[in-house]
Each structure stands twice: as C-alpha cells, then as structure tokens.
C-alpha cells in the first residue's frame, strides 16, 4: 500500500517538529519526527492495526477513519483501495477533529 499525506497532516507534522525544535531541542524534534514516521511507515504492511475512531464517525459520512498512537501523538488515517491517507496528526490531549 502507498502512504499519502494530506496537506493538513503535513502541516501538523511540521508544526509539531517546529515546536520541539524551537522550544526543546533539535534532537528531540528529530526523535519525535522519527517516531511518528516509523509508526506511519508500519501501516504499509499492517494498514488495519489502528482502531476505528468512533468519535469521528457520523451518520452521514460512512468513511472508516482509524487511528494509532505514536510518541504521544494520535495519527488519523483512512484506507482506500491501495492507499493509506494520513489525515491528521494531533497531540493526544486535543479534541479529535478531522
């Protein structure tokens, strides 16, 4: 399966790494980014390991959105055909909004 990042997910990842780069350390920023990316890359071989995110489901929208947690961040994604769409990357303490 091929992984595709939405613009929103790329912006989330950039914001997360920038925060750690500016306020913690360069090394911590790299560690966070590597941890998140390793979790995302693991989805290529195991796309259905994430739990279905019931909090994001609506009666109108029948999409099945899944999530995994990596380095205190929740990664929301959707599997469609041969693609895994990374939708959003959020701090676990935030409200889930896709």
N, C-alpha and C. Protein backbone atom coordinates (compact mmCIF):
# COMPACT_ATOMS: atom_id res chain seq x y z
N UNK A 1 0.84 -1.19 0.00
CA UNK A 1 0.00 0.00 0.00
C UNK A 1 0.88 1.25 0.00
N UNK A 2 0.37 2.28 -0.59
CA UNK A 2 1.11 3.53 -0.68
C UNK A 2 0.54 4.53 0.34
N UNK A 3 1.43 5.23 1.02
CA UNK A 3 1.02 6.23 2.01
C UNK A 3 0.96 7.60 1.34
N UNK A 4 -0.15 8.30 1.57
CA UNK A 4 -0.35 9.63 1.03
C UNK A 4 -0.68 10.56 2.19
N UNK A 5 0.07 11.64 2.32
CA UNK A 5 -0.19 12.64 3.35
C UNK A 5 -1.10 13.73 2.80
N UNK A 6 -2.12 14.09 3.56
CA UNK A 6 -2.91 15.26 3.20
C UNK A 6 -2.12 16.50 3.59
N UNK A 7 -2.49 17.63 3.02
CA UNK A 7 -1.82 18.89 3.39
C UNK A 7 -1.96 19.16 4.88
N UNK A 8 -3.11 18.84 5.42
CA UNK A 8 -3.36 19.05 6.84
C UNK A 8 -2.39 18.24 7.69
N UNK A 9 -2.19 16.98 7.34
CA UNK A 9 -1.29 16.11 8.11
C UNK A 9 0.16 16.60 8.00
N UNK A 10 0.57 17.03 6.80
CA UNK A 10 1.92 17.56 6.64
C UNK A 10 2.11 18.82 7.48
N UNK A 11 1.10 19.68 7.49
CA UNK A 11 1.17 20.89 8.33
C UNK A 11 1.24 20.54 9.80
N UNK A 12 0.47 19.53 10.22
CA UNK A 12 0.51 19.09 11.62
C UNK A 12 1.90 18.61 12.00
N UNK A 13 2.49 17.78 11.15
CA UNK A 13 3.82 17.24 11.44
C UNK A 13 4.86 18.36 11.49
N UNK A 14 4.78 19.29 10.57
CA UNK A 14 5.70 20.43 10.56
C UNK A 14 5.56 21.26 11.83
N UNK A 15 4.32 21.54 12.23
CA UNK A 15 4.09 22.32 13.45
C UNK A 15 4.64 21.63 14.69
N UNK A 16 4.43 20.32 14.77
CA UNK A 16 4.92 19.55 15.91
C UNK A 16 6.45 19.61 15.97
N UNK A 17 7.08 19.33 14.86
CA UNK A 17 8.55 19.33 14.82
C UNK A 17 9.12 20.72 15.06
N UNK A 18 8.49 21.75 14.51
CA UNK A 18 8.94 23.12 14.73
C UNK A 18 8.87 23.51 16.21
N UNK A 19 7.79 23.09 16.87
CA UNK A 19 7.64 23.41 18.29
C UNK A 19 8.82 22.82 19.09
N UNK A 20 9.08 21.54 18.89
CA UNK A 20 10.18 20.90 19.63
C UNK A 20 11.53 21.49 19.24
N UNK A 21 11.69 21.86 17.98
CA UNK A 21 12.93 22.46 17.51
C UNK A 21 13.17 23.80 18.21
N UNK A 22 12.12 24.62 18.30
CA UNK A 22 12.25 25.96 18.88
C UNK A 22 12.28 25.98 20.40
N UNK A 23 11.50 25.11 21.04
CA UNK A 23 11.33 25.22 22.49
C UNK A 23 11.98 24.11 23.31
N UNK A 24 12.43 23.04 22.67
CA UNK A 24 13.05 21.95 23.42
C UNK A 24 14.47 21.72 22.92
N UNK A 25 14.60 21.00 21.83
CA UNK A 25 15.94 20.80 21.25
C UNK A 25 15.81 20.23 19.84
N UNK A 26 16.88 20.39 19.09
CA UNK A 26 16.92 19.85 17.74
C UNK A 26 16.81 18.33 17.79
N UNK A 27 17.52 17.71 18.72
CA UNK A 27 17.50 16.25 18.83
C UNK A 27 16.11 15.73 19.18
N UNK A 28 15.41 16.41 20.07
CA UNK A 28 14.06 15.98 20.45
C UNK A 28 13.12 16.11 19.25
N UNK A 29 13.28 17.17 18.47
CA UNK A 29 12.47 17.35 17.27
C UNK A 29 12.69 16.19 16.30
N UNK A 30 13.93 15.80 16.11
CA UNK A 30 14.24 14.67 15.23
C UNK A 30 13.68 13.37 15.78
N UNK A 31 13.78 13.17 17.09
CA UNK A 31 13.26 11.95 17.71
C UNK A 31 11.75 11.84 17.54
N UNK A 32 11.05 12.94 17.76
CA UNK A 32 9.59 12.95 17.62
C UNK A 32 9.21 12.65 16.17
N UNK A 33 9.87 13.32 15.23
CA UNK A 33 9.58 13.11 13.82
C UNK A 33 9.85 11.65 13.41
N UNK A 34 10.99 11.11 13.84
CA UNK A 34 11.32 9.72 13.51
C UNK A 34 10.31 8.75 14.09
N UNK A 35 9.88 8.98 15.32
CA UNK A 35 8.89 8.10 15.95
C UNK A 35 7.57 8.11 15.21
N UNK A 36 7.11 9.30 14.86
CA UNK A 36 5.84 9.41 14.12
C UNK A 36 5.97 8.76 12.75
N UNK A 37 7.05 9.05 12.04
CA UNK A 37 7.23 8.49 10.70
C UNK A 37 7.37 6.97 10.72
N UNK A 38 8.06 6.43 11.71
CA UNK A 38 8.18 4.97 11.82
C UNK A 38 6.82 4.32 12.02
N UNK A 39 5.98 4.94 12.84
CA UNK A 39 4.63 4.40 13.06
C UNK A 39 3.80 4.45 11.78
N UNK A 40 3.94 5.55 11.04
CA UNK A 40 3.20 5.68 9.78
C UNK A 40 3.69 4.66 8.76
N UNK A 41 5.00 4.49 8.66
CA UNK A 41 5.54 3.52 7.70
C UNK A 41 5.14 2.08 8.04
N UNK A 42 4.91 1.80 9.31
CA UNK A 42 4.47 0.46 9.71
C UNK A 42 3.07 0.16 9.16
N UNK A 43 2.31 1.19 8.84
CA UNK A 43 0.97 0.99 8.28
C UNK A 43 1.01 0.37 6.88
N UNK A 44 2.11 0.54 6.17
CA UNK A 44 2.22 -0.04 4.83
C UNK A 44 1.99 -1.55 4.86
N UNK A 45 2.55 -2.21 5.86
CA UNK A 45 2.41 -3.66 5.96
C UNK A 45 1.21 -4.08 6.80
N UNK A 46 0.74 -3.20 7.65
CA UNK A 46 -0.37 -3.51 8.57
C UNK A 46 -1.38 -2.37 8.59
N UNK A 47 -2.09 -2.14 7.51
CA UNK A 47 -2.96 -0.95 7.43
C UNK A 47 -4.16 -0.97 8.39
N UNK A 48 -4.51 -2.12 8.90
CA UNK A 48 -5.70 -2.19 9.75
C UNK A 48 -5.37 -2.37 11.23
N UNK A 49 -4.13 -2.04 11.63
CA UNK A 49 -3.76 -2.19 13.04
C UNK A 49 -4.38 -1.10 13.91
N UNK A 50 -4.72 0.02 13.32
CA UNK A 50 -5.31 1.11 14.10
C UNK A 50 -6.75 0.84 14.46
N UNK A 51 -7.16 1.41 15.58
CA UNK A 51 -8.56 1.23 15.99
C UNK A 51 -9.44 2.19 15.20
N UNK A 52 -10.67 1.77 14.98
CA UNK A 52 -11.64 2.63 14.31
C UNK A 52 -11.99 3.76 15.27
N UNK A 53 -11.88 4.98 14.78
CA UNK A 53 -12.13 6.16 15.61
C UNK A 53 -13.61 6.51 15.57
N UNK A 54 -14.34 5.92 16.49
CA UNK A 54 -15.79 6.11 16.55
C UNK A 54 -16.15 7.58 16.75
N UNK A 55 -15.30 8.31 17.48
CA UNK A 55 -15.59 9.72 17.75
C UNK A 55 -15.61 10.57 16.49
N UNK A 56 -15.05 10.07 15.40
CA UNK A 56 -15.02 10.83 14.15
C UNK A 56 -16.08 10.37 13.15
N UNK A 57 -16.81 9.34 13.47
CA UNK A 57 -17.82 8.83 12.55
C UNK A 57 -19.11 9.64 12.68
N UNK A 58 -19.77 9.85 11.57
CA UNK A 58 -21.07 10.50 11.57
C UNK A 58 -22.06 9.60 10.82
N UNK A 59 -23.33 9.88 10.99
CA UNK A 59 -24.34 9.09 10.30
C UNK A 59 -24.33 9.36 8.80
N UNK A 60 -23.96 10.57 8.42
CA UNK A 60 -23.95 10.94 7.00
C UNK A 60 -22.70 10.41 6.32
N UNK A 61 -21.57 10.56 6.97
CA UNK A 61 -20.29 10.18 6.40
C UNK A 61 -19.96 8.75 6.81
N UNK A 62 -19.93 7.84 5.86
CA UNK A 62 -19.72 6.42 6.16
C UNK A 62 -18.25 6.02 6.09
N UNK A 63 -17.35 6.99 6.00
CA UNK A 63 -15.92 6.68 5.95
C UNK A 63 -15.48 5.99 7.24
N UNK A 64 -14.52 5.09 7.12
CA UNK A 64 -13.96 4.44 8.30
C UNK A 64 -12.58 5.05 8.53
N UNK A 65 -12.49 5.84 9.57
CA UNK A 65 -11.24 6.50 9.93
C UNK A 65 -10.64 5.76 11.11
N UNK A 66 -9.39 5.43 10.98
CA UNK A 66 -8.67 4.70 12.02
C UNK A 66 -7.62 5.60 12.64
N UNK A 67 -7.08 5.15 13.78
CA UNK A 67 -6.01 5.93 14.41
C UNK A 67 -5.04 5.01 15.14
N UNK A 68 -3.81 5.48 15.21
CA UNK A 68 -2.78 4.84 16.01
C UNK A 68 -2.12 5.93 16.85
N UNK A 69 -1.50 5.53 17.94
CA UNK A 69 -0.80 6.49 18.80
C UNK A 69 0.69 6.24 18.68
N UNK A 70 1.42 7.33 18.54
CA UNK A 70 2.87 7.27 18.44
C UNK A 70 3.47 8.48 19.12
N UNK A 71 4.36 8.26 20.06
CA UNK A 71 5.09 9.35 20.72
C UNK A 71 4.13 10.43 21.21
N UNK A 72 3.07 10.04 21.90
CA UNK A 72 2.06 10.95 22.44
C UNK A 72 1.25 11.68 21.38
N UNK A 73 1.29 11.21 20.16
CA UNK A 73 0.51 11.82 19.09
C UNK A 73 -0.40 10.78 18.46
N UNK A 74 -1.63 11.19 18.17
CA UNK A 74 -2.59 10.30 17.52
C UNK A 74 -2.56 10.61 16.03
N UNK A 75 -2.40 9.57 15.24
CA UNK A 75 -2.34 9.68 13.79
C UNK A 75 -3.65 9.13 13.24
N UNK A 76 -4.42 9.99 12.59
CA UNK A 76 -5.69 9.59 11.98
C UNK A 76 -5.45 9.27 10.52
N UNK A 77 -6.00 8.15 10.07
CA UNK A 77 -5.80 7.76 8.68
C UNK A 77 -7.00 7.00 8.15
N UNK A 78 -7.03 6.88 6.83
CA UNK A 78 -8.11 6.17 6.15
C UNK A 78 -7.51 5.27 5.08
N UNK A 79 -8.01 4.05 4.99
CA UNK A 79 -7.54 3.09 3.98
C UNK A 79 -8.56 3.06 2.85
N UNK A 80 -8.07 3.32 1.63
CA UNK A 80 -8.92 3.26 0.44
C UNK A 80 -8.14 2.56 -0.66
N UNK A 81 -8.65 1.45 -1.13
CA UNK A 81 -8.01 0.66 -2.18
C UNK A 81 -6.56 0.35 -1.80
N UNK A 82 -5.63 0.85 -2.58
CA UNK A 82 -4.21 0.60 -2.34
C UNK A 82 -3.51 1.78 -1.68
N UNK A 83 -4.29 2.68 -1.09
CA UNK A 83 -3.72 3.88 -0.49
C UNK A 83 -4.09 4.01 0.98
N UNK A 84 -3.16 4.55 1.74
CA UNK A 84 -3.41 4.90 3.14
C UNK A 84 -3.26 6.42 3.21
N UNK A 85 -4.35 7.09 3.49
CA UNK A 85 -4.35 8.55 3.56
C UNK A 85 -4.14 8.98 5.00
N UNK A 86 -3.04 9.68 5.26
CA UNK A 86 -2.79 10.24 6.59
C UNK A 86 -3.55 11.56 6.65
N UNK A 87 -4.55 11.62 7.52
CA UNK A 87 -5.46 12.76 7.55
C UNK A 87 -5.03 13.86 8.52
N UNK A 88 -4.58 13.45 9.70
CA UNK A 88 -4.27 14.44 10.73
C UNK A 88 -3.36 13.80 11.77
N UNK A 89 -2.49 14.61 12.35
CA UNK A 89 -1.63 14.16 13.44
C UNK A 89 -1.84 15.15 14.58
N UNK A 90 -2.31 14.64 15.72
CA UNK A 90 -2.68 15.53 16.82
C UNK A 90 -2.11 15.05 18.14
N UNK A 91 -1.85 16.00 19.01
CA UNK A 91 -1.49 15.69 20.38
C UNK A 91 -2.66 14.94 21.00
N UNK A 92 -2.39 13.91 21.74
CA UNK A 92 -3.46 13.09 22.34
C UNK A 92 -4.35 13.89 23.28
N UNK A 93 -3.89 15.03 23.74
CA UNK A 93 -4.69 15.84 24.67
C UNK A 93 -5.65 16.76 23.94
N UNK A 94 -5.62 16.81 22.62
CA UNK A 94 -6.53 17.67 21.84
C UNK A 94 -7.81 16.95 21.52
N UNK A 95 -8.83 17.74 21.21
CA UNK A 95 -10.09 17.17 20.77
C UNK A 95 -9.92 16.65 19.34
N UNK A 96 -10.43 15.46 19.02
CA UNK A 96 -10.27 14.92 17.68
C UNK A 96 -11.17 15.63 16.67
N UNK A 97 -10.56 16.30 15.71
CA UNK A 97 -11.31 16.97 14.64
C UNK A 97 -10.57 16.67 13.35
N UNK A 98 -11.28 16.14 12.37
CA UNK A 98 -10.67 15.86 11.06
C UNK A 98 -11.27 16.77 10.04
